[in-house]
């Protein structure tokens, strides 16, 4: 499988939640447990569950999205507009996306590369 670039430009296929989901689907519960422990350490404790880690990626036609992705304003906007990702949007560089880029500069780099190839 190649890289899955999210609407925002992050690489879903590199995300710990995505990797945990693929491990879960293969029955690799040792990897899932490791990811769960890392998520609990990073996101504040025992409330993180295996179910909340499950994510097939932003672009997947699936109900399995981690809580952040399920509520993501950038994702919701891109889905509504029907674009492959934000690089394809006529309003590229909108306020939602610029605010997101403040937290994830690599996402901008990924989308800029895609825009350059359009």
Protein backbone atom coordinates (compact mmCIF):
# COMPACT_ATOMS: atom_id res chain seq x y z
CA UNK A 1 0.00 0.00 0.00
CA UNK A 2 1.25 3.47 -0.85
CA UNK A 3 1.03 6.56 1.29
CA UNK A 4 -2.43 7.78 2.22
CA UNK A 5 -2.34 11.57 2.29
CA UNK A 6 -5.15 13.03 4.40
CA UNK A 7 -7.23 15.97 3.23
CA UNK A 8 -5.05 18.24 5.39
CA UNK A 9 -1.77 16.86 4.08
CA UNK A 10 -0.78 14.61 6.96
CA UNK A 11 0.22 11.08 6.01
CA UNK A 12 -2.51 8.85 7.45
CA UNK A 13 -0.59 5.70 6.65
CA UNK A 14 2.19 6.81 9.05
CA UNK A 15 -0.21 7.68 11.91
CA UNK A 16 -0.01 5.52 15.06
CA UNK A 17 -3.80 5.11 15.09
CA UNK A 18 -3.80 3.90 11.48
CA UNK A 19 -0.92 1.52 12.20
CA UNK A 20 -2.67 0.21 15.32
CA UNK A 21 -5.81 -0.41 13.27
CA UNK A 22 -3.93 -2.38 10.63
CA UNK A 23 -2.22 -4.40 13.39
CA UNK A 24 -5.61 -5.04 15.02
CA UNK A 25 -7.04 -6.23 11.72
CA UNK A 26 -4.15 -8.71 11.44
CA UNK A 27 -4.65 -9.91 15.02
CA UNK A 28 -1.31 -8.41 16.15
CA UNK A 29 -2.47 -7.49 19.64
CA UNK A 30 1.09 -6.96 20.92
CA UNK A 31 1.51 -4.01 18.53
CA UNK A 32 -1.97 -2.72 19.39
CA UNK A 33 -1.11 -2.84 23.09
CA UNK A 34 2.15 -0.95 22.49
CA UNK A 35 0.29 1.74 20.54
CA UNK A 36 -2.37 1.92 23.25
CA UNK A 37 0.27 2.47 25.94
CA UNK A 38 1.91 5.24 23.86
CA UNK A 39 -1.47 6.90 23.25
CA UNK A 40 -2.33 6.77 26.94
CA UNK A 41 1.01 8.38 27.79
CA UNK A 42 0.62 11.07 25.12
CA UNK A 43 -3.06 11.88 25.55
CA UNK A 44 -3.65 11.76 29.24
CA UNK A 45 -4.32 8.46 30.72
CA UNK A 46 -6.51 5.43 30.96
CA UNK A 47 -9.48 6.87 29.05
CA UNK A 48 -7.83 5.98 25.73
CA UNK A 49 -9.26 2.65 24.58
CA UNK A 50 -8.44 0.32 21.73
CA UNK A 51 -11.73 1.35 20.12
CA UNK A 52 -10.74 5.03 20.23
CA UNK A 53 -7.47 4.19 18.45
CA UNK A 54 -9.18 2.53 15.51
CA UNK A 55 -8.85 4.63 12.37
CA UNK A 56 -8.83 3.56 8.73
CA UNK A 57 -7.54 6.96 7.67
CA UNK A 58 -9.14 10.22 6.75
CA UNK A 59 -9.96 9.18 3.17
CA UNK A 60 -11.37 5.75 3.91
CA UNK A 61 -15.01 4.97 3.37
CA UNK A 62 -15.34 3.63 6.90
CA UNK A 63 -16.88 4.50 10.22
CA UNK A 64 -13.58 3.81 11.97
CA UNK A 65 -12.05 7.24 12.56
CA UNK A 66 -10.15 8.29 15.65
CA UNK A 67 -11.99 11.00 17.61
CA UNK A 68 -9.76 13.83 16.33
CA UNK A 69 -10.28 12.89 12.67
CA UNK A 70 -14.00 12.32 13.14
CA UNK A 71 -14.36 15.92 14.40
CA UNK A 72 -11.75 17.57 12.15
CA UNK A 73 -13.06 20.78 10.53
CA UNK A 74 -10.56 20.50 7.65
CA UNK A 75 -11.72 16.97 6.89
CA UNK A 76 -15.40 17.94 7.10
CA UNK A 77 -14.86 20.84 4.71
CA UNK A 78 -12.94 18.71 2.19
CA UNK A 79 -15.59 15.98 2.28
CA UNK A 80 -18.31 18.58 1.74
CA UNK A 81 -16.42 20.07 -1.21
CA UNK A 82 -15.66 16.65 -2.69
CA UNK A 83 -11.94 17.28 -3.19
CA UNK A 84 -9.26 14.58 -3.18
CA UNK A 85 -7.43 16.67 -0.59
CA UNK A 86 -7.03 20.36 0.20
CA UNK A 87 -4.35 20.78 -2.47
CA UNK A 88 -7.15 20.37 -5.02
CA UNK A 89 -9.41 22.99 -3.43
CA UNK A 90 -10.01 26.35 -5.13
CA UNK A 91 -9.80 27.97 -1.67
CA UNK A 92 -6.45 26.36 -0.84
CA UNK A 93 -4.77 28.20 2.01
CA UNK A 94 -8.06 29.02 3.75
CA UNK A 95 -8.11 30.04 7.41
CA UNK A 96 -8.95 26.51 8.62
CA UNK A 97 -5.99 25.07 6.79
CA UNK A 98 -3.57 27.84 7.77
CA UNK A 99 -4.49 27.39 11.43
CA UNK A 100 -3.91 23.65 11.09
CA UNK A 101 -0.51 24.24 9.46
CA UNK A 102 0.61 26.06 12.63
CA UNK A 103 0.51 22.64 14.34
CA UNK A 104 1.64 20.53 11.38
CA UNK A 105 4.13 22.20 9.05
CA UNK A 106 4.86 18.91 7.30
CA UNK A 107 1.25 18.81 6.12
CA UNK A 108 1.79 22.07 4.23
CA UNK A 109 4.90 20.63 2.57
CA UNK A 110 2.96 17.56 1.43
CA UNK A 111 0.09 19.61 0.00
CA UNK A 112 2.47 22.05 -1.70
CA UNK A 113 4.13 19.13 -3.49
CA UNK A 114 0.75 17.88 -4.63
CA UNK A 115 -0.30 21.35 -5.83
CA UNK A 116 2.93 21.69 -7.79
CA UNK A 117 2.12 18.48 -9.65
CA UNK A 118 -1.43 19.50 -10.62
